[in-house]
Amino acid sequence: MRGSSPCQVSPPTPPSCAAERCGWLPKCGPITRPSGPRSTRSRPVIPGCGVLGAATIIGEASDVHRFRSKAAFARFTGTAPIPVWSGNSSRVRLNRGGNRRLNSALHMIAVTQTRGVGPGKAYVDRLMAEGKTRTEAVRLLRRRISDVVYRALKRTDATASQPSQHKMAMAA
């Protein structure tokens, strides 16, 4: 490049779509906002779980039928405790395995629930009154939230797999 200095950089053209840039889609249309009212959204089933947390959970858990039970799901998420015995003492150790993204989403739900007034805060306060540390109490709450998420995913998956009662389906 003769005659151009390294300090002269032309401004980049804004990409119209990331998927188009990567070659995943031939051409993306303009992004439009939903025209319907926002009140049509359903309330979240799990308190403290936002849109991003729900998307992470759904994306990482994918098919919930691959887990035999809520304990298997908890092991997958890394919220199942690991028992540790030494002599007469019996304790549980933090599970460092499992899906870390899913565990992080569950942790954020647990932290959100402990900050506000609700079942999570009451549960953590009760455990701390019993002599548990705050870290242990949040770990136990995270396991409970894992069970609630498993039930919610099973319930949602069961309703989604039922045949549609749409008018066109009934006419056929």
N, C-alpha and C. Protein backbone atom coordinates (compact mmCIF):
# COMPACT_ATOMS: atom_id res chain seq x y z
N MET A 1 0.84 -1.17 0.00
CA MET A 1 0.00 0.00 0.00
C MET A 1 0.88 1.23 0.00
N ARG A 2 1.10 1.72 -1.14
CA ARG A 2 1.99 2.85 -1.30
C ARG A 2 1.26 4.14 -0.99
N GLY A 3 1.87 4.98 -0.17
CA GLY A 3 1.33 6.29 0.12
C GLY A 3 0.34 6.33 1.28
N SER A 4 0.04 5.22 1.89
CA SER A 4 -0.90 5.25 3.02
C SER A 4 -0.13 5.03 4.31
N SER A 5 -0.46 5.82 5.30
CA SER A 5 0.21 5.66 6.59
C SER A 5 -0.60 4.71 7.46
N PRO A 6 0.04 4.07 8.45
CA PRO A 6 -0.70 3.14 9.29
C PRO A 6 -1.73 3.83 10.17
N CYS A 7 -1.64 5.16 10.31
CA CYS A 7 -2.60 5.87 11.15
C CYS A 7 -3.89 6.19 10.42
N GLN A 8 -3.88 6.10 9.11
CA GLN A 8 -5.09 6.40 8.35
C GLN A 8 -5.87 5.11 8.15
N VAL A 9 -6.97 5.03 8.85
CA VAL A 9 -7.82 3.84 8.76
C VAL A 9 -9.20 4.28 8.33
N SER A 10 -9.72 3.62 7.35
CA SER A 10 -11.07 3.96 6.91
C SER A 10 -12.08 3.39 7.90
N PRO A 11 -13.17 4.11 8.14
CA PRO A 11 -14.15 3.61 9.10
C PRO A 11 -14.81 2.34 8.58
N PRO A 12 -15.01 1.37 9.45
CA PRO A 12 -15.61 0.12 9.00
C PRO A 12 -17.08 0.32 8.66
N THR A 13 -17.53 -0.44 7.72
CA THR A 13 -18.95 -0.39 7.38
C THR A 13 -19.71 -1.25 8.38
N PRO A 14 -20.84 -0.77 8.86
CA PRO A 14 -21.57 -1.54 9.86
C PRO A 14 -22.15 -2.81 9.24
N PRO A 15 -21.99 -3.93 9.90
CA PRO A 15 -22.55 -5.16 9.36
C PRO A 15 -24.06 -5.15 9.50
N SER A 16 -24.73 -5.68 8.51
CA SER A 16 -26.19 -5.71 8.58
C SER A 16 -26.67 -6.83 9.48
N CYS A 17 -25.90 -7.88 9.58
CA CYS A 17 -26.32 -9.00 10.41
C CYS A 17 -25.11 -9.88 10.70
N ALA A 18 -24.97 -10.30 11.93
CA ALA A 18 -23.82 -11.13 12.30
C ALA A 18 -23.87 -12.47 11.58
N ALA A 19 -25.04 -13.04 11.44
CA ALA A 19 -25.16 -14.33 10.75
C ALA A 19 -24.81 -14.19 9.28
N GLU A 20 -25.15 -13.06 8.69
CA GLU A 20 -24.81 -12.82 7.29
C GLU A 20 -23.30 -12.68 7.13
N ARG A 21 -22.67 -11.97 8.10
CA ARG A 21 -21.23 -11.79 8.07
C ARG A 21 -20.51 -13.12 8.14
N CYS A 22 -20.98 -14.02 8.98
CA CYS A 22 -20.32 -15.31 9.15
C CYS A 22 -20.64 -16.28 8.02
N GLY A 23 -21.60 -15.93 7.19
CA GLY A 23 -21.96 -16.81 6.09
C GLY A 23 -22.99 -17.86 6.47
N TRP A 24 -23.64 -17.72 7.62
CA TRP A 24 -24.64 -18.70 8.02
C TRP A 24 -25.95 -18.50 7.26
N LEU A 25 -26.26 -17.26 6.96
CA LEU A 25 -27.49 -16.94 6.25
C LEU A 25 -27.14 -16.13 5.02
N PRO A 26 -27.88 -16.31 3.93
CA PRO A 26 -27.56 -15.54 2.75
C PRO A 26 -27.82 -14.04 2.93
N LYS A 27 -28.93 -13.66 3.51
CA LYS A 27 -29.26 -12.26 3.70
C LYS A 27 -30.26 -12.16 4.84
N CYS A 28 -29.97 -11.32 5.81
CA CYS A 28 -30.88 -11.12 6.93
C CYS A 28 -31.74 -9.90 6.66
N GLY A 29 -32.97 -10.00 7.01
CA GLY A 29 -33.86 -8.86 6.90
C GLY A 29 -33.65 -7.92 8.07
N PRO A 30 -34.29 -6.78 8.04
CA PRO A 30 -34.14 -5.84 9.16
C PRO A 30 -34.77 -6.39 10.43
N ILE A 31 -34.18 -6.04 11.55
CA ILE A 31 -34.71 -6.49 12.83
C ILE A 31 -35.89 -5.60 13.19
N THR A 32 -37.01 -6.21 13.47
CA THR A 32 -38.20 -5.45 13.83
C THR A 32 -38.60 -5.80 15.25
N ARG A 33 -39.26 -4.87 15.88
CA ARG A 33 -39.75 -5.09 17.24
C ARG A 33 -41.09 -5.81 17.17
N PRO A 34 -41.42 -6.61 18.17
CA PRO A 34 -42.73 -7.25 18.17
C PRO A 34 -43.82 -6.19 18.27
N SER A 35 -44.86 -6.35 17.45
CA SER A 35 -45.91 -5.33 17.41
C SER A 35 -46.96 -5.52 18.49
N GLY A 36 -47.01 -6.70 19.10
CA GLY A 36 -48.02 -6.96 20.13
C GLY A 36 -47.70 -6.29 21.44
N PRO A 37 -48.69 -6.20 22.31
CA PRO A 37 -48.43 -5.58 23.62
C PRO A 37 -47.54 -6.47 24.48
N ARG A 38 -46.80 -5.83 25.38
CA ARG A 38 -45.89 -6.58 26.24
C ARG A 38 -46.63 -7.36 27.31
N SER A 39 -47.87 -7.04 27.56
CA SER A 39 -48.60 -7.72 28.62
C SER A 39 -48.95 -9.15 28.26
N THR A 40 -48.72 -9.56 27.01
CA THR A 40 -49.03 -10.94 26.63
C THR A 40 -47.99 -11.92 27.13
N ARG A 41 -46.84 -11.42 27.59
CA ARG A 41 -45.82 -12.32 28.12
C ARG A 41 -46.31 -12.95 29.41
N SER A 42 -45.96 -14.19 29.60
CA SER A 42 -46.34 -14.85 30.84
C SER A 42 -45.29 -14.55 31.91
N ARG A 43 -45.72 -14.56 33.15
CA ARG A 43 -44.80 -14.30 34.25
C ARG A 43 -43.85 -15.47 34.41
N PRO A 44 -42.63 -15.22 34.87
CA PRO A 44 -41.70 -16.32 35.05
C PRO A 44 -42.17 -17.27 36.15
N VAL A 45 -41.92 -18.55 35.93
CA VAL A 45 -42.33 -19.56 36.89
C VAL A 45 -41.42 -19.52 38.10
N ILE A 46 -40.15 -19.25 37.90
CA ILE A 46 -39.16 -19.28 38.97
C ILE A 46 -38.79 -17.85 39.34
N PRO A 47 -39.03 -17.44 40.59
CA PRO A 47 -38.66 -16.09 40.99
C PRO A 47 -37.15 -15.89 40.92
N GLY A 48 -36.74 -14.75 40.39
CA GLY A 48 -35.33 -14.44 40.28
C GLY A 48 -34.70 -14.89 38.98
N CYS A 49 -35.47 -15.53 38.13
CA CYS A 49 -34.95 -16.01 36.85
C CYS A 49 -35.38 -15.05 35.76
N GLY A 50 -34.42 -14.38 35.16
CA GLY A 50 -34.72 -13.45 34.09
C GLY A 50 -34.71 -14.14 32.73
N VAL A 51 -34.83 -13.33 31.70
CA VAL A 51 -34.88 -13.86 30.34
C VAL A 51 -33.56 -14.52 29.96
N LEU A 52 -32.45 -13.88 30.29
CA LEU A 52 -31.14 -14.43 29.95
C LEU A 52 -30.86 -15.73 30.70
N GLY A 53 -31.21 -15.76 31.98
CA GLY A 53 -31.04 -16.99 32.77
C GLY A 53 -31.89 -18.12 32.24
N ALA A 54 -33.14 -17.80 31.87
CA ALA A 54 -34.03 -18.83 31.32
C ALA A 54 -33.50 -19.35 29.99
N ALA A 55 -32.99 -18.45 29.16
CA ALA A 55 -32.44 -18.88 27.87
C ALA A 55 -31.21 -19.76 28.08
N THR A 56 -30.37 -19.41 29.04
CA THR A 56 -29.19 -20.23 29.34
C THR A 56 -29.60 -21.61 29.82
N ILE A 57 -30.58 -21.66 30.71
CA ILE A 57 -31.03 -22.94 31.25
C ILE A 57 -31.62 -23.81 30.16
N ILE A 58 -32.48 -23.23 29.33
CA ILE A 58 -33.12 -24.01 28.26
C ILE A 58 -32.08 -24.47 27.25
N GLY A 59 -31.15 -23.59 26.91
CA GLY A 59 -30.13 -23.95 25.92
C GLY A 59 -29.16 -25.01 26.42
N GLU A 60 -28.75 -24.91 27.67
CA GLU A 60 -27.78 -25.86 28.20
C GLU A 60 -28.41 -27.19 28.59
N ALA A 61 -29.64 -27.17 29.08
CA ALA A 61 -30.28 -28.42 29.51
C ALA A 61 -30.80 -29.21 28.32
N SER A 62 -31.16 -28.53 27.25
CA SER A 62 -31.73 -29.10 26.02
C SER A 62 -32.83 -30.10 26.34
N ASP A 63 -32.68 -31.36 26.01
CA ASP A 63 -33.74 -32.35 26.20
C ASP A 63 -33.72 -32.84 27.64
N VAL A 64 -34.77 -32.52 28.38
CA VAL A 64 -34.82 -32.88 29.80
C VAL A 64 -35.13 -34.36 29.99
N HIS A 65 -35.61 -35.04 28.97
CA HIS A 65 -35.95 -36.46 29.09
C HIS A 65 -34.72 -37.36 29.18
N ARG A 66 -33.56 -36.83 28.93
CA ARG A 66 -32.35 -37.65 29.03
C ARG A 66 -31.92 -37.86 30.47
N PHE A 67 -32.54 -37.16 31.43
CA PHE A 67 -32.22 -37.33 32.85
C PHE A 67 -33.26 -38.23 33.49
N ARG A 68 -32.78 -39.24 34.24
CA ARG A 68 -33.69 -40.19 34.89
C ARG A 68 -34.52 -39.54 35.97
N SER A 69 -33.92 -38.63 36.71
CA SER A 69 -34.59 -38.04 37.87
C SER A 69 -34.04 -36.64 38.12
N LYS A 70 -34.61 -36.00 39.15
CA LYS A 70 -34.10 -34.67 39.51
C LYS A 70 -32.69 -34.77 40.09
N ALA A 71 -32.34 -35.91 40.66
CA ALA A 71 -30.99 -36.11 41.18
C ALA A 71 -29.98 -36.19 40.03
N ALA A 72 -30.36 -36.84 38.93
CA ALA A 72 -29.48 -36.91 37.77
C ALA A 72 -29.31 -35.53 37.14
N PHE A 73 -30.39 -34.75 37.12
CA PHE A 73 -30.30 -33.38 36.61
C PHE A 73 -29.40 -32.53 37.50
N ALA A 74 -29.51 -32.72 38.82
CA ALA A 74 -28.67 -31.97 39.76
C ALA A 74 -27.20 -32.34 39.58
N ARG A 75 -26.93 -33.59 39.30
CA ARG A 75 -25.55 -34.00 39.06
C ARG A 75 -25.02 -33.36 37.77
N PHE A 76 -25.87 -33.27 36.76
CA PHE A 76 -25.49 -32.63 35.51
C PHE A 76 -25.20 -31.15 35.71
N THR A 77 -26.00 -30.50 36.55
CA THR A 77 -25.81 -29.06 36.79
C THR A 77 -24.67 -28.77 37.75
N GLY A 78 -24.20 -29.77 38.48
CA GLY A 78 -23.13 -29.56 39.44
C GLY A 78 -23.63 -29.09 40.78
N THR A 79 -24.93 -29.26 41.05
CA THR A 79 -25.49 -28.84 42.34
C THR A 79 -25.67 -30.01 43.29
N ALA A 80 -25.44 -31.23 42.83
CA ALA A 80 -25.57 -32.39 43.71
C ALA A 80 -24.36 -32.43 44.65
N PRO A 81 -24.60 -32.60 45.94
CA PRO A 81 -23.47 -32.63 46.88
C PRO A 81 -22.68 -33.93 46.77
N ILE A 82 -21.40 -33.86 47.09
CA ILE A 82 -20.54 -35.03 47.11
C ILE A 82 -20.29 -35.38 48.57
N PRO A 83 -20.74 -36.56 49.03
CA PRO A 83 -20.54 -36.90 50.45
C PRO A 83 -19.07 -37.21 50.74
N VAL A 84 -18.62 -36.77 51.91
CA VAL A 84 -17.24 -36.99 52.35
C VAL A 84 -17.30 -37.51 53.78
N TRP A 85 -16.70 -38.70 54.01
CA TRP A 85 -16.69 -39.28 55.35
C TRP A 85 -15.25 -39.37 55.84
N SER A 86 -15.07 -39.07 57.10
CA SER A 86 -13.78 -39.24 57.73
C SER A 86 -14.05 -39.57 59.20
N GLY A 87 -13.84 -40.82 59.54
CA GLY A 87 -14.13 -41.23 60.91
C GLY A 87 -15.61 -41.17 61.19
N ASN A 88 -15.99 -40.46 62.24
CA ASN A 88 -17.40 -40.33 62.59
C ASN A 88 -18.07 -39.10 61.98
N SER A 89 -17.30 -38.24 61.34
CA SER A 89 -17.89 -37.03 60.76
C SER A 89 -18.35 -37.31 59.34
N SER A 90 -19.51 -36.79 59.03
CA SER A 90 -20.08 -36.95 57.70
C SER A 90 -20.47 -35.56 57.19
N ARG A 91 -19.81 -35.12 56.14
CA ARG A 91 -20.10 -33.81 55.56
C ARG A 91 -20.25 -33.97 54.05
N VAL A 92 -20.63 -32.90 53.40
CA VAL A 92 -20.71 -32.90 51.94
C VAL A 92 -19.75 -31.85 51.41
N ARG A 93 -19.25 -32.12 50.24
CA ARG A 93 -18.27 -31.26 49.60
C ARG A 93 -18.91 -30.63 48.37
N LEU A 94 -18.44 -29.46 48.01
CA LEU A 94 -18.93 -28.76 46.83
C LEU A 94 -18.53 -29.53 45.57
N ASN A 95 -19.48 -29.69 44.68
CA ASN A 95 -19.23 -30.38 43.42
C ASN A 95 -18.66 -29.37 42.43
N ARG A 96 -17.43 -29.58 42.01
CA ARG A 96 -16.79 -28.67 41.05
C ARG A 96 -17.03 -29.11 39.61
N GLY A 97 -17.70 -30.22 39.43
CA GLY A 97 -17.98 -30.71 38.09
C GLY A 97 -19.32 -30.20 37.60
N GLY A 98 -19.81 -30.82 36.57
CA GLY A 98 -21.10 -30.44 36.02
C GLY A 98 -20.99 -29.33 35.00
N ASN A 99 -22.12 -28.93 34.49
CA ASN A 99 -22.19 -27.88 33.50
C ASN A 99 -22.04 -26.54 34.21
N ARG A 100 -20.94 -25.85 33.97
CA ARG A 100 -20.64 -24.63 34.70
C ARG A 100 -21.55 -23.47 34.30
N ARG A 101 -21.97 -23.41 33.05
CA ARG A 101 -22.88 -22.34 32.63
C ARG A 101 -24.23 -22.49 33.31
N LEU A 102 -24.70 -23.72 33.36
CA LEU A 102 -25.98 -24.00 34.00
C LEU A 102 -25.88 -23.74 35.50
N ASN A 103 -24.77 -24.13 36.10
CA ASN A 103 -24.56 -23.89 37.52
C ASN A 103 -24.51 -22.40 37.80
N SER A 104 -23.89 -21.64 36.93
CA SER A 104 -23.81 -20.19 37.10
C SER A 104 -25.19 -19.55 37.01
N ALA A 105 -26.02 -20.02 36.07
CA ALA A 105 -27.38 -19.48 35.95
C ALA A 105 -28.19 -19.79 37.21
N LEU A 106 -28.04 -21.01 37.74
CA LEU A 106 -28.75 -21.38 38.97
C LEU A 106 -28.24 -20.55 40.15
N HIS A 107 -26.94 -20.28 40.17
CA HIS A 107 -26.37 -19.47 41.25
C HIS A 107 -26.91 -18.04 41.21
N MET A 108 -27.05 -17.48 40.02
CA MET A 108 -27.59 -16.13 39.90
C MET A 108 -29.04 -16.07 40.37
N ILE A 109 -29.81 -17.12 40.10
CA ILE A 109 -31.19 -17.18 40.59
C ILE A 109 -31.18 -17.24 42.11
N ALA A 110 -30.29 -18.05 42.67
CA ALA A 110 -30.21 -18.20 44.13
C ALA A 110 -29.82 -16.89 44.79
N VAL A 111 -28.85 -16.19 44.23
CA VAL A 111 -28.42 -14.91 44.80
C VAL A 111 -29.55 -13.89 44.72
N THR A 112 -30.26 -13.88 43.60
CA THR A 112 -31.38 -12.95 43.44
C THR A 112 -32.48 -13.26 44.45
N GLN A 113 -32.75 -14.53 44.68
CA GLN A 113 -33.78 -14.90 45.64
C GLN A 113 -33.38 -14.55 47.07
N THR A 114 -32.10 -14.63 47.39
CA THR A 114 -31.68 -14.32 48.76
C THR A 114 -31.69 -12.82 49.03
N ARG A 115 -31.60 -12.01 48.01
CA ARG A 115 -31.60 -10.55 48.21
C ARG A 115 -33.00 -10.02 48.50
N GLY A 116 -34.00 -10.56 47.85
CA GLY A 116 -35.35 -10.06 48.02
C GLY A 116 -36.10 -10.81 49.11
N VAL A 117 -37.35 -10.47 49.25
CA VAL A 117 -38.20 -11.16 50.20
C VAL A 117 -38.90 -12.29 49.44
N GLY A 118 -38.78 -13.49 49.92
CA GLY A 118 -39.41 -14.60 49.25
C GLY A 118 -38.97 -15.92 49.84
N PRO A 119 -39.28 -17.00 49.13
CA PRO A 119 -38.97 -18.32 49.67
C PRO A 119 -37.47 -18.59 49.78
N GLY A 120 -36.67 -18.05 48.88
CA GLY A 120 -35.22 -18.27 48.93
C GLY A 120 -34.59 -17.62 50.14
N LYS A 121 -34.98 -16.39 50.43
CA LYS A 121 -34.43 -15.68 51.58
C LYS A 121 -34.86 -16.35 52.88
N ALA A 122 -36.11 -16.77 52.96
CA ALA A 122 -36.60 -17.44 54.16
C ALA A 122 -35.86 -18.76 54.38
N TYR A 123 -35.60 -19.49 53.29
CA TYR A 123 -34.89 -20.77 53.38
C TYR A 123 -33.45 -20.56 53.85
N VAL A 124 -32.77 -19.57 53.29
CA VAL A 124 -31.38 -19.30 53.67
C VAL A 124 -31.31 -18.81 55.12
N ASP A 125 -32.25 -17.95 55.51
CA ASP A 125 -32.27 -17.48 56.90
C ASP A 125 -32.50 -18.63 57.88
N ARG A 126 -33.37 -19.56 57.52
CA ARG A 126 -33.64 -20.71 58.38
C ARG A 126 -32.40 -21.60 58.51
N LEU A 127 -31.70 -21.83 57.39
CA LEU A 127 -30.49 -22.65 57.43
C LEU A 127 -29.38 -21.97 58.24
N MET A 128 -29.27 -20.66 58.12
CA MET A 128 -28.25 -19.95 58.89
C MET A 128 -28.58 -19.96 60.38
N ALA A 129 -29.86 -19.96 60.71
CA ALA A 129 -30.26 -20.07 62.12
C ALA A 129 -29.94 -21.46 62.68
N GLU A 130 -29.92 -22.47 61.79
CA GLU A 130 -29.57 -23.83 62.21
C GLU A 130 -28.07 -24.02 62.36
N GLY A 131 -27.27 -23.04 61.95
CA GLY A 131 -25.83 -23.14 62.13
C GLY A 131 -25.03 -23.30 60.85
N LYS A 132 -25.68 -23.30 59.70
CA LYS A 132 -24.96 -23.39 58.42
C LYS A 132 -24.35 -22.03 58.10
N THR A 133 -23.27 -22.05 57.35
CA THR A 133 -22.69 -20.79 56.88
C THR A 133 -23.51 -20.29 55.70
N ARG A 134 -23.30 -19.04 55.32
CA ARG A 134 -24.06 -18.47 54.20
C ARG A 134 -23.73 -19.20 52.91
N THR A 135 -22.48 -19.57 52.73
CA THR A 135 -22.07 -20.29 51.52
C THR A 135 -22.77 -21.64 51.43
N GLU A 136 -22.82 -22.36 52.55
CA GLU A 136 -23.51 -23.65 52.56
C GLU A 136 -25.00 -23.48 52.31
N ALA A 137 -25.58 -22.43 52.88
CA ALA A 137 -27.01 -22.18 52.70
C ALA A 137 -27.34 -21.87 51.25
N VAL A 138 -26.51 -21.07 50.59
CA VAL A 138 -26.75 -20.75 49.18
C VAL A 138 -26.55 -21.99 48.32
N ARG A 139 -25.58 -22.84 48.67
CA ARG A 139 -25.37 -24.09 47.93
C ARG A 139 -26.60 -24.99 48.04
N LEU A 140 -27.18 -25.08 49.24
CA LEU A 140 -28.39 -25.89 49.43
C LEU A 140 -29.58 -25.29 48.70
N LEU A 141 -29.67 -23.97 48.68
CA LEU A 141 -30.75 -23.31 47.94
C LEU A 141 -30.59 -23.56 46.44
N ARG A 142 -29.36 -23.56 45.96
CA ARG A 142 -29.11 -23.82 44.55
C ARG A 142 -29.57 -25.22 44.16
N ARG A 143 -29.39 -26.18 45.06
CA ARG A 143 -29.87 -27.54 44.78
C ARG A 143 -31.40 -27.56 44.71
N ARG A 144 -32.05 -26.84 45.62
CA ARG A 144 -33.52 -26.77 45.58
C ARG A 144 -34.00 -26.11 44.30
N ILE A 145 -33.32 -25.06 43.87
CA ILE A 145 -33.70 -24.38 42.63
C ILE A 145 -33.50 -25.32 41.45
N SER A 146 -32.47 -26.14 41.49
CA SER A 146 -32.24 -27.14 40.44
C SER A 146 -33.43 -28.08 40.33
N ASP A 147 -33.98 -28.50 41.47
CA ASP A 147 -35.16 -29.37 41.45
C ASP A 147 -36.37 -28.65 40.87
N VAL A 148 -36.54 -27.38 41.21
CA VAL A 148 -37.66 -26.60 40.68
C VAL A 148 -37.52 -26.42 39.17
N VAL A 149 -36.30 -26.15 38.71
CA VAL A 149 -36.05 -25.99 37.28
C VAL A 149 -36.34 -27.29 36.55
N TYR A 150 -35.93 -28.42 37.12
CA TYR A 150 -36.18 -29.72 36.50
C TYR A 150 -37.68 -29.95 36.34
N ARG A 151 -38.45 -29.68 37.40
CA ARG A 151 -39.90 -29.85 37.32
C ARG A 151 -40.52 -28.92 36.29
N ALA A 152 -40.04 -27.67 36.23
CA ALA A 152 -40.57 -26.71 35.26
C ALA A 152 -40.25 -27.14 33.83
N LEU A 153 -39.05 -27.64 33.60
CA LEU A 153 -38.70 -28.11 32.26
C LEU A 153 -39.51 -29.33 31.87
N LYS A 154 -39.74 -30.24 32.82
CA LYS A 154 -40.55 -31.43 32.53
C LYS A 154 -41.98 -31.01 32.20
N ARG A 155 -42.52 -30.07 32.99
CA ARG A 155 -43.89 -29.62 32.78
C ARG A 155 -44.02 -28.91 31.43
N THR A 156 -43.07 -28.04 31.11
CA THR A 156 -43.10 -27.31 29.85
C THR A 156 -42.93 -28.26 28.67
N ASP A 157 -42.05 -29.23 28.81
CA ASP A 157 -41.82 -30.19 27.73
C ASP A 157 -43.04 -31.07 27.53
N ALA A 158 -43.73 -31.42 28.61
CA ALA A 158 -44.91 -32.27 28.50
C ALA A 158 -46.04 -31.53 27.79
N THR A 159 -46.22 -30.24 28.07
CA THR A 159 -47.29 -29.49 27.40
C THR A 159 -46.93 -29.20 25.96
N ALA A 160 -45.65 -29.06 25.65
CA ALA A 160 -45.24 -28.79 24.27
C ALA A 160 -45.35 -30.02 23.40
N SER A 161 -45.23 -31.21 23.99
CA SER A 161 -45.27 -32.43 23.18
C SER A 161 -46.69 -32.92 22.93
N GLN A 162 -47.70 -32.31 23.58
CA GLN A 162 -49.07 -32.72 23.34
C GLN A 162 -49.50 -32.26 21.96
N PRO A 163 -50.41 -33.00 21.31
CA PRO A 163 -50.84 -32.59 19.97
C PRO A 163 -51.57 -31.25 20.02
N SER A 164 -51.39 -30.50 18.96
CA SER A 164 -51.98 -29.17 18.89
C SER A 164 -53.48 -29.25 18.71
N GLN A 165 -54.20 -28.36 19.35
CA GLN A 165 -55.64 -28.29 19.23
C GLN A 165 -56.03 -27.12 18.33
N HIS A 166 -55.21 -26.84 17.36
CA HIS A 166 -55.45 -25.74 16.46
C HIS A 166 -56.64 -26.06 15.58
N LYS A 167 -57.36 -25.03 15.11
CA LYS A 167 -58.55 -25.24 14.29
C LYS A 167 -58.22 -25.98 13.00
N MET A 168 -57.08 -25.66 12.40
CA MET A 168 -56.70 -26.33 11.15
C MET A 168 -56.38 -27.80 11.39
N ALA A 169 -55.78 -28.12 12.53
CA ALA A 169 -55.47 -29.51 12.83
C ALA A 169 -56.74 -30.29 13.08
N MET A 170 -57.75 -29.65 13.67
CA MET A 170 -59.01 -30.33 13.94
C MET A 170 -59.81 -30.52 12.67
N ALA A 171 -59.64 -29.64 11.67
CA ALA A 171 -60.39 -29.73 10.43
C ALA A 171 -59.88 -30.86 9.55
N ALA A 172 -58.66 -31.25 9.71
CA ALA A 172 -58.07 -32.27 8.84
C ALA A 172 -58.52 -33.66 9.15
